[in-house]
Amino acid sequence: MKKNKVSIIMGSNSDWKIMEQSQIILDSFKIDCETKIISAHRTPERLFRYAKSANKNKIKVIIAGAGGAAHLPGMVSALTNIPVLAVPIKSKFMDGLDSLLSIVQMPYGVPTATFAVGEAGAKNAALFAVSILSIYDNSLLKKLTNWRKKLTNSVNIMPKS
């Protein structure tokens, strides 16, 4: 098992289209990741088993996507000390605002980092996971530094028509 393992979890299969963006980023950095469907409401026992065994399973960072009431990231945060990076998923009722507000309002003492709703949030959560892992991995830090340089260099100085 590799040393930098990230777990990508989501509340339902319909979240995969968004959460797959996290996996694409992690794959580009050659970071080992797993993906699971864990519903806080429909599979609470699975959620408890998963969160309680995350340390034992050598998971270093958890990226959790959830929509609607969006309890998954906060519940996982409450059950483990592993950093949880939350991705609110756009819902059909409030365009993802409900998910964002539900996640971002975690009470003091149970931190859950929260990112943008949807695809940008999934990508940024993965990049943040890379940043966390790069603290103790110089090879990964170099990859991240180069990735950011490429991003910077991709921005034109002058607009093009």
N, C-alpha and C. Protein backbone atom coordinates (compact mmCIF):
# COMPACT_ATOMS: atom_id res chain seq x y z
N MET A 1 0.84 -1.18 0.00
CA MET A 1 0.00 0.00 0.00
C MET A 1 0.89 1.25 0.00
N LYS A 2 0.54 2.20 -0.81
CA LYS A 2 1.31 3.44 -0.90
C LYS A 2 1.10 4.29 0.33
N LYS A 3 2.02 5.23 0.56
CA LYS A 3 1.96 6.03 1.79
C LYS A 3 0.95 7.16 1.72
N ASN A 4 0.61 7.62 0.53
CA ASN A 4 -0.32 8.75 0.38
C ASN A 4 -1.66 8.26 -0.14
N LYS A 5 -2.48 7.77 0.73
CA LYS A 5 -3.77 7.24 0.31
C LYS A 5 -4.87 8.24 0.61
N VAL A 6 -5.65 8.56 -0.42
CA VAL A 6 -6.78 9.46 -0.28
C VAL A 6 -8.05 8.65 -0.55
N SER A 7 -9.06 8.89 0.24
CA SER A 7 -10.34 8.23 0.05
C SER A 7 -11.34 9.26 -0.46
N ILE A 8 -11.99 8.93 -1.56
CA ILE A 8 -13.04 9.78 -2.14
C ILE A 8 -14.36 9.08 -1.87
N ILE A 9 -15.21 9.75 -1.10
CA ILE A 9 -16.51 9.15 -0.77
C ILE A 9 -17.62 10.09 -1.22
N MET A 10 -18.77 9.51 -1.45
CA MET A 10 -19.93 10.30 -1.88
C MET A 10 -21.20 9.64 -1.39
N GLY A 11 -22.25 10.45 -1.32
CA GLY A 11 -23.51 9.97 -0.78
C GLY A 11 -24.29 9.05 -1.70
N SER A 12 -24.09 9.21 -3.01
CA SER A 12 -24.80 8.34 -3.95
C SER A 12 -24.07 8.27 -5.28
N ASN A 13 -24.42 7.30 -6.08
CA ASN A 13 -23.79 7.11 -7.38
C ASN A 13 -23.96 8.33 -8.28
N SER A 14 -25.05 9.07 -8.11
CA SER A 14 -25.27 10.26 -8.94
C SER A 14 -24.23 11.35 -8.67
N ASP A 15 -23.50 11.26 -7.57
CA ASP A 15 -22.45 12.24 -7.24
C ASP A 15 -21.14 11.94 -7.96
N TRP A 16 -21.03 10.75 -8.56
CA TRP A 16 -19.76 10.33 -9.15
C TRP A 16 -19.28 11.26 -10.26
N LYS A 17 -20.18 11.77 -11.08
CA LYS A 17 -19.78 12.65 -12.19
C LYS A 17 -18.95 13.83 -11.66
N ILE A 18 -19.32 14.36 -10.52
CA ILE A 18 -18.59 15.47 -9.90
C ILE A 18 -17.35 14.94 -9.18
N MET A 19 -17.49 13.92 -8.38
CA MET A 19 -16.39 13.43 -7.55
C MET A 19 -15.28 12.77 -8.38
N GLU A 20 -15.62 12.33 -9.57
CA GLU A 20 -14.60 11.77 -10.46
C GLU A 20 -13.52 12.80 -10.77
N GLN A 21 -13.89 14.08 -10.72
CA GLN A 21 -12.92 15.15 -10.97
C GLN A 21 -11.80 15.13 -9.92
N SER A 22 -12.13 14.77 -8.69
CA SER A 22 -11.10 14.61 -7.66
C SER A 22 -10.15 13.49 -8.03
N GLN A 23 -10.70 12.38 -8.48
CA GLN A 23 -9.86 11.23 -8.83
C GLN A 23 -8.94 11.57 -10.00
N ILE A 24 -9.43 12.31 -10.98
CA ILE A 24 -8.61 12.68 -12.13
C ILE A 24 -7.39 13.49 -11.68
N ILE A 25 -7.61 14.44 -10.78
CA ILE A 25 -6.50 15.25 -10.26
C ILE A 25 -5.52 14.37 -9.49
N LEU A 26 -6.04 13.55 -8.59
CA LEU A 26 -5.16 12.68 -7.79
C LEU A 26 -4.38 11.71 -8.67
N ASP A 27 -5.03 11.17 -9.69
CA ASP A 27 -4.34 10.27 -10.62
C ASP A 27 -3.21 11.00 -11.34
N SER A 28 -3.43 12.27 -11.68
CA SER A 28 -2.39 13.02 -12.39
C SER A 28 -1.15 13.24 -11.52
N PHE A 29 -1.32 13.19 -10.20
CA PHE A 29 -0.20 13.30 -9.27
C PHE A 29 0.28 11.92 -8.80
N LYS A 30 -0.31 10.87 -9.37
CA LYS A 30 0.04 9.48 -9.02
C LYS A 30 -0.17 9.19 -7.53
N ILE A 31 -1.28 9.70 -7.01
CA ILE A 31 -1.65 9.46 -5.61
C ILE A 31 -2.67 8.33 -5.57
N ASP A 32 -2.41 7.36 -4.74
CA ASP A 32 -3.29 6.22 -4.57
C ASP A 32 -4.60 6.69 -3.95
N CYS A 33 -5.71 6.31 -4.57
CA CYS A 33 -7.00 6.68 -3.98
C CYS A 33 -8.01 5.55 -4.15
N GLU A 34 -8.98 5.60 -3.29
CA GLU A 34 -10.10 4.66 -3.35
C GLU A 34 -11.37 5.48 -3.47
N THR A 35 -12.42 4.87 -3.99
CA THR A 35 -13.71 5.55 -4.09
C THR A 35 -14.78 4.64 -3.49
N LYS A 36 -15.69 5.27 -2.75
CA LYS A 36 -16.77 4.51 -2.11
C LYS A 36 -18.05 5.34 -2.07
N ILE A 37 -19.16 4.65 -2.12
CA ILE A 37 -20.45 5.28 -1.89
C ILE A 37 -20.85 4.98 -0.46
N ILE A 38 -21.03 6.04 0.30
CA ILE A 38 -21.39 5.92 1.71
C ILE A 38 -22.45 6.99 1.99
N SER A 39 -23.65 6.58 2.19
CA SER A 39 -24.73 7.52 2.46
C SER A 39 -24.92 7.68 3.97
N ALA A 40 -24.87 8.93 4.42
CA ALA A 40 -25.09 9.18 5.85
C ALA A 40 -26.50 8.77 6.27
N HIS A 41 -27.44 8.86 5.34
CA HIS A 41 -28.84 8.58 5.68
C HIS A 41 -29.27 7.15 5.36
N ARG A 42 -28.77 6.60 4.25
CA ARG A 42 -29.22 5.28 3.83
C ARG A 42 -28.30 4.15 4.29
N THR A 43 -27.03 4.47 4.58
CA THR A 43 -26.08 3.43 5.02
C THR A 43 -25.31 3.90 6.26
N PRO A 44 -26.01 4.24 7.32
CA PRO A 44 -25.31 4.78 8.50
C PRO A 44 -24.32 3.81 9.12
N GLU A 45 -24.61 2.52 9.12
CA GLU A 45 -23.66 1.57 9.69
C GLU A 45 -22.38 1.49 8.85
N ARG A 46 -22.54 1.56 7.53
CA ARG A 46 -21.38 1.58 6.64
C ARG A 46 -20.54 2.83 6.92
N LEU A 47 -21.21 3.94 7.12
CA LEU A 47 -20.52 5.20 7.42
C LEU A 47 -19.69 5.07 8.69
N PHE A 48 -20.28 4.52 9.75
CA PHE A 48 -19.57 4.36 11.02
C PHE A 48 -18.38 3.41 10.87
N ARG A 49 -18.58 2.28 10.19
CA ARG A 49 -17.47 1.33 9.99
C ARG A 49 -16.34 1.99 9.20
N TYR A 50 -16.70 2.68 8.14
CA TYR A 50 -15.71 3.34 7.29
C TYR A 50 -14.90 4.38 8.08
N ALA A 51 -15.59 5.28 8.75
CA ALA A 51 -14.91 6.37 9.46
C ALA A 51 -14.06 5.84 10.61
N LYS A 52 -14.57 4.86 11.34
CA LYS A 52 -13.84 4.32 12.48
C LYS A 52 -12.60 3.52 12.06
N SER A 53 -12.59 3.01 10.83
CA SER A 53 -11.45 2.20 10.38
C SER A 53 -10.52 2.97 9.43
N ALA A 54 -10.79 4.23 9.17
CA ALA A 54 -9.98 5.00 8.21
C ALA A 54 -8.51 5.05 8.60
N ASN A 55 -8.22 5.30 9.87
CA ASN A 55 -6.82 5.32 10.32
C ASN A 55 -6.15 3.98 10.10
N LYS A 56 -6.81 2.93 10.49
CA LYS A 56 -6.27 1.58 10.35
C LYS A 56 -6.01 1.24 8.88
N ASN A 57 -6.82 1.82 8.00
CA ASN A 57 -6.70 1.57 6.56
C ASN A 57 -5.70 2.51 5.89
N LYS A 58 -4.95 3.26 6.69
CA LYS A 58 -3.85 4.12 6.21
C LYS A 58 -4.32 5.26 5.31
N ILE A 59 -5.55 5.70 5.50
CA ILE A 59 -6.07 6.84 4.75
C ILE A 59 -5.51 8.12 5.38
N LYS A 60 -4.99 9.01 4.54
CA LYS A 60 -4.38 10.25 5.02
C LYS A 60 -5.31 11.45 4.89
N VAL A 61 -6.16 11.44 3.87
CA VAL A 61 -7.09 12.54 3.63
C VAL A 61 -8.37 11.93 3.06
N ILE A 62 -9.51 12.49 3.46
CA ILE A 62 -10.81 12.05 2.94
C ILE A 62 -11.44 13.21 2.19
N ILE A 63 -11.87 12.96 0.97
CA ILE A 63 -12.64 13.94 0.20
C ILE A 63 -14.06 13.39 0.16
N ALA A 64 -15.00 14.17 0.72
CA ALA A 64 -16.38 13.70 0.84
C ALA A 64 -17.33 14.62 0.09
N GLY A 65 -18.05 14.07 -0.87
CA GLY A 65 -19.04 14.84 -1.62
C GLY A 65 -20.44 14.45 -1.17
N ALA A 66 -21.28 15.48 -1.00
CA ALA A 66 -22.66 15.20 -0.57
C ALA A 66 -23.57 16.34 -1.00
N GLY A 67 -24.80 15.98 -1.31
CA GLY A 67 -25.78 16.98 -1.73
C GLY A 67 -26.96 17.01 -0.78
N GLY A 68 -27.82 17.99 -0.98
CA GLY A 68 -29.02 18.13 -0.16
C GLY A 68 -28.67 18.45 1.28
N ALA A 69 -29.14 17.63 2.22
CA ALA A 69 -28.84 17.85 3.63
C ALA A 69 -27.35 17.71 3.92
N ALA A 70 -26.65 16.95 3.09
CA ALA A 70 -25.19 16.87 3.05
C ALA A 70 -24.54 16.57 4.40
N HIS A 71 -25.02 15.54 5.07
CA HIS A 71 -24.47 15.18 6.37
C HIS A 71 -23.19 14.36 6.30
N LEU A 72 -22.89 13.77 5.16
CA LEU A 72 -21.75 12.84 5.06
C LEU A 72 -20.42 13.45 5.51
N PRO A 73 -19.98 14.59 4.98
CA PRO A 73 -18.67 15.11 5.41
C PRO A 73 -18.60 15.40 6.91
N GLY A 74 -19.61 16.00 7.45
CA GLY A 74 -19.60 16.34 8.88
C GLY A 74 -19.65 15.11 9.77
N MET A 75 -20.42 14.13 9.38
CA MET A 75 -20.47 12.89 10.18
C MET A 75 -19.13 12.18 10.17
N VAL A 76 -18.48 12.15 9.02
CA VAL A 76 -17.16 11.51 8.95
C VAL A 76 -16.17 12.30 9.80
N SER A 77 -16.23 13.63 9.70
CA SER A 77 -15.35 14.48 10.53
C SER A 77 -15.55 14.21 12.01
N ALA A 78 -16.78 13.96 12.41
CA ALA A 78 -17.09 13.71 13.81
C ALA A 78 -16.55 12.36 14.30
N LEU A 79 -16.28 11.46 13.36
CA LEU A 79 -15.88 10.10 13.73
C LEU A 79 -14.40 9.80 13.52
N THR A 80 -13.65 10.74 12.92
CA THR A 80 -12.22 10.50 12.67
C THR A 80 -11.45 11.80 12.82
N ASN A 81 -10.15 11.68 13.07
CA ASN A 81 -9.28 12.85 13.12
C ASN A 81 -8.58 13.11 11.79
N ILE A 82 -8.83 12.29 10.81
CA ILE A 82 -8.26 12.47 9.48
C ILE A 82 -8.90 13.70 8.85
N PRO A 83 -8.12 14.55 8.15
CA PRO A 83 -8.72 15.73 7.51
C PRO A 83 -9.81 15.33 6.51
N VAL A 84 -10.96 15.99 6.63
CA VAL A 84 -12.07 15.76 5.71
C VAL A 84 -12.26 17.03 4.88
N LEU A 85 -12.21 16.86 3.57
CA LEU A 85 -12.38 17.95 2.62
C LEU A 85 -13.73 17.75 1.94
N ALA A 86 -14.65 18.67 2.19
CA ALA A 86 -16.03 18.50 1.74
C ALA A 86 -16.30 19.18 0.41
N VAL A 87 -17.03 18.48 -0.44
CA VAL A 87 -17.47 19.01 -1.73
C VAL A 87 -19.00 19.01 -1.75
N PRO A 88 -19.61 20.20 -1.66
CA PRO A 88 -21.06 20.26 -1.79
C PRO A 88 -21.48 19.91 -3.23
N ILE A 89 -22.46 19.06 -3.36
CA ILE A 89 -22.96 18.65 -4.67
C ILE A 89 -24.23 19.45 -4.98
N LYS A 90 -24.32 19.92 -6.20
CA LYS A 90 -25.49 20.68 -6.63
C LYS A 90 -26.74 19.82 -6.48
N SER A 91 -27.74 20.37 -5.84
CA SER A 91 -29.00 19.64 -5.64
C SER A 91 -30.07 20.20 -6.56
N LYS A 92 -31.16 19.48 -6.69
CA LYS A 92 -32.23 19.94 -7.57
C LYS A 92 -33.11 21.01 -6.94
N PHE A 93 -33.00 21.19 -5.63
CA PHE A 93 -33.89 22.13 -4.96
C PHE A 93 -33.30 23.54 -4.84
N MET A 94 -32.07 23.65 -4.40
CA MET A 94 -31.51 24.97 -4.13
C MET A 94 -30.18 25.19 -4.86
N ASP A 95 -29.96 24.44 -5.93
CA ASP A 95 -28.77 24.63 -6.77
C ASP A 95 -27.46 24.40 -6.02
N GLY A 96 -27.48 23.66 -4.93
CA GLY A 96 -26.28 23.37 -4.16
C GLY A 96 -26.07 24.27 -2.96
N LEU A 97 -26.86 25.36 -2.87
CA LEU A 97 -26.73 26.25 -1.71
C LEU A 97 -27.08 25.51 -0.42
N ASP A 98 -28.07 24.65 -0.48
CA ASP A 98 -28.44 23.86 0.70
C ASP A 98 -27.28 22.97 1.14
N SER A 99 -26.63 22.34 0.19
CA SER A 99 -25.49 21.47 0.49
C SER A 99 -24.34 22.28 1.09
N LEU A 100 -24.03 23.40 0.46
CA LEU A 100 -22.94 24.25 0.94
C LEU A 100 -23.19 24.72 2.37
N LEU A 101 -24.37 25.24 2.63
CA LEU A 101 -24.67 25.76 3.96
C LEU A 101 -24.70 24.65 5.01
N SER A 102 -25.21 23.50 4.64
CA SER A 102 -25.26 22.38 5.58
C SER A 102 -23.85 21.97 5.99
N ILE A 103 -22.93 21.92 5.03
CA ILE A 103 -21.58 21.47 5.32
C ILE A 103 -20.77 22.54 6.05
N VAL A 104 -20.87 23.77 5.60
CA VAL A 104 -20.01 24.83 6.12
C VAL A 104 -20.36 25.22 7.56
N GLN A 105 -21.51 24.85 8.04
CA GLN A 105 -21.95 25.22 9.38
C GLN A 105 -21.59 24.20 10.46
N MET A 106 -20.47 23.50 10.27
CA MET A 106 -20.04 22.53 11.29
C MET A 106 -19.75 23.27 12.59
N PRO A 107 -20.12 22.68 13.71
CA PRO A 107 -19.90 23.34 14.99
C PRO A 107 -18.42 23.34 15.37
N TYR A 108 -18.08 24.26 16.24
CA TYR A 108 -16.71 24.35 16.77
C TYR A 108 -16.28 22.99 17.30
N GLY A 109 -15.06 22.63 16.98
CA GLY A 109 -14.50 21.38 17.48
C GLY A 109 -14.58 20.23 16.50
N VAL A 110 -15.35 20.38 15.44
CA VAL A 110 -15.48 19.33 14.42
C VAL A 110 -15.20 19.97 13.06
N PRO A 111 -13.93 20.30 12.77
CA PRO A 111 -13.63 21.00 11.53
C PRO A 111 -13.81 20.14 10.30
N THR A 112 -14.38 20.74 9.28
CA THR A 112 -14.55 20.12 7.98
C THR A 112 -14.26 21.20 6.95
N ALA A 113 -13.17 21.06 6.21
CA ALA A 113 -12.85 22.04 5.17
C ALA A 113 -13.89 21.94 4.07
N THR A 114 -14.38 23.07 3.61
CA THR A 114 -15.46 23.07 2.63
C THR A 114 -15.03 23.83 1.39
N PHE A 115 -15.32 23.27 0.23
CA PHE A 115 -14.93 23.84 -1.04
C PHE A 115 -16.16 24.27 -1.83
N ALA A 116 -15.95 24.78 -3.02
CA ALA A 116 -17.04 25.27 -3.88
C ALA A 116 -18.00 24.14 -4.24
N VAL A 117 -19.19 24.52 -4.61
CA VAL A 117 -20.19 23.56 -5.05
C VAL A 117 -19.77 23.00 -6.42
N GLY A 118 -19.82 21.69 -6.54
CA GLY A 118 -19.64 21.05 -7.84
C GLY A 118 -18.21 20.77 -8.26
N GLU A 119 -18.02 20.79 -9.58
CA GLU A 119 -16.77 20.37 -10.19
C GLU A 119 -15.54 21.14 -9.69
N ALA A 120 -15.65 22.47 -9.61
CA ALA A 120 -14.52 23.27 -9.12
C ALA A 120 -14.16 22.86 -7.70
N GLY A 121 -15.15 22.59 -6.87
CA GLY A 121 -14.90 22.15 -5.50
C GLY A 121 -14.22 20.80 -5.45
N ALA A 122 -14.63 19.87 -6.32
CA ALA A 122 -14.03 18.54 -6.36
C ALA A 122 -12.57 18.63 -6.79
N LYS A 123 -12.29 19.47 -7.77
CA LYS A 123 -10.91 19.64 -8.24
C LYS A 123 -10.06 20.31 -7.17
N ASN A 124 -10.57 21.36 -6.56
CA ASN A 124 -9.81 22.07 -5.53
C ASN A 124 -9.60 21.22 -4.28
N ALA A 125 -10.57 20.40 -3.94
CA ALA A 125 -10.40 19.50 -2.79
C ALA A 125 -9.25 18.53 -3.05
N ALA A 126 -9.16 18.03 -4.27
CA ALA A 126 -8.07 17.12 -4.61
C ALA A 126 -6.73 17.85 -4.56
N LEU A 127 -6.69 19.07 -5.08
CA LEU A 127 -5.45 19.85 -5.02
C LEU A 127 -5.05 20.17 -3.59
N PHE A 128 -6.04 20.41 -2.75
CA PHE A 128 -5.77 20.67 -1.32
C PHE A 128 -5.23 19.40 -0.66
N ALA A 129 -5.78 18.25 -1.04
CA ALA A 129 -5.27 16.97 -0.53
C ALA A 129 -3.81 16.80 -0.93
N VAL A 130 -3.49 17.15 -2.17
CA VAL A 130 -2.10 17.08 -2.63
C VAL A 130 -1.23 18.00 -1.76
N SER A 131 -1.72 19.20 -1.48
CA SER A 131 -0.96 20.14 -0.64
C SER A 131 -0.71 19.56 0.75
N ILE A 132 -1.72 18.96 1.34
CA ILE A 132 -1.57 18.36 2.67
C ILE A 132 -0.52 17.25 2.62
N LEU A 133 -0.64 16.38 1.63
CA LEU A 133 0.29 15.25 1.53
C LEU A 133 1.71 15.69 1.21
N SER A 134 1.85 16.81 0.53
CA SER A 134 3.18 17.28 0.13
C SER A 134 3.98 17.86 1.29
N ILE A 135 3.34 18.09 2.42
CA ILE A 135 4.06 18.61 3.59
C ILE A 135 5.21 17.69 3.98
N TYR A 136 5.02 16.40 3.86
CA TYR A 136 6.04 15.43 4.26
C TYR A 136 6.56 14.60 3.09
N ASP A 137 6.31 15.07 1.87
CA ASP A 137 6.73 14.32 0.69
C ASP A 137 7.32 15.30 -0.32
N ASN A 138 8.66 15.41 -0.33
CA ASN A 138 9.33 16.38 -1.21
C ASN A 138 9.08 16.12 -2.69
N SER A 139 8.98 14.87 -3.07
CA SER A 139 8.70 14.53 -4.46
C SER A 139 7.33 15.08 -4.88
N LEU A 140 6.37 14.89 -4.02
CA LEU A 140 5.02 15.40 -4.29
C LEU A 140 5.01 16.93 -4.28
N LEU A 141 5.77 17.54 -3.39
CA LEU A 141 5.87 19.00 -3.35
C LEU A 141 6.42 19.54 -4.66
N LYS A 142 7.41 18.89 -5.21
CA LYS A 142 7.97 19.31 -6.51
C LYS A 142 6.93 19.20 -7.61
N LYS A 143 6.18 18.11 -7.62
CA LYS A 143 5.12 17.95 -8.62
C LYS A 143 4.08 19.06 -8.50
N LEU A 144 3.68 19.37 -7.27
CA LEU A 144 2.69 20.41 -7.05
C LEU A 144 3.23 21.77 -7.47
N THR A 145 4.48 22.05 -7.14
CA THR A 145 5.10 23.32 -7.51
C THR A 145 5.15 23.45 -9.03
N ASN A 146 5.54 22.39 -9.72
CA ASN A 146 5.56 22.41 -11.19
C ASN A 146 4.17 22.57 -11.78
N TRP A 147 3.20 21.90 -11.18
CA TRP A 147 1.81 22.00 -11.65
C TRP A 147 1.34 23.46 -11.57
N ARG A 148 1.65 24.10 -10.44
CA ARG A 148 1.25 25.51 -10.26
C ARG A 148 1.98 26.44 -11.22
N LYS A 149 3.25 26.16 -11.50
CA LYS A 149 3.99 26.97 -12.48
C LYS A 149 3.34 26.86 -13.85
N LYS A 150 2.96 25.64 -14.24
CA LYS A 150 2.29 25.44 -15.53
C LYS A 150 0.97 26.20 -15.56
N LEU A 151 0.24 26.18 -14.46
CA LEU A 151 -1.03 26.90 -14.39
C LEU A 151 -0.78 28.40 -14.57
N THR A 152 0.21 28.93 -13.87
CA THR A 152 0.56 30.34 -13.99
C THR A 152 0.96 30.69 -15.42
N ASN A 153 1.79 29.86 -16.02
CA ASN A 153 2.27 30.13 -17.37
C ASN A 153 1.18 29.99 -18.42
N SER A 154 0.08 29.35 -18.08
CA SER A 154 -1.01 29.17 -19.05
C SER A 154 -1.90 30.42 -19.16
N VAL A 155 -1.68 31.40 -18.27
CA VAL A 155 -2.48 32.61 -18.29
C VAL A 155 -1.80 33.66 -19.16
N ASN A 156 -2.47 34.07 -20.22
CA ASN A 156 -1.91 35.07 -21.13
C ASN A 156 -1.81 36.43 -20.46
N ILE A 157 -0.81 37.21 -20.86
CA ILE A 157 -0.67 38.57 -20.36
C ILE A 157 -1.66 39.48 -21.05
N MET A 158 -1.84 39.26 -22.34
CA MET A 158 -2.73 40.10 -23.15
C MET A 158 -3.93 39.26 -23.59
N PRO A 159 -5.10 39.91 -23.67
CA PRO A 159 -6.26 39.16 -24.17
C PRO A 159 -6.11 38.85 -25.65
N LYS A 160 -6.65 37.74 -26.04
CA LYS A 160 -6.64 37.34 -27.46
C LYS A 160 -8.06 37.34 -27.97
N SER A 161 -8.20 37.75 -29.21
CA SER A 161 -9.56 37.75 -29.77
C SER A 161 -9.82 36.54 -30.59
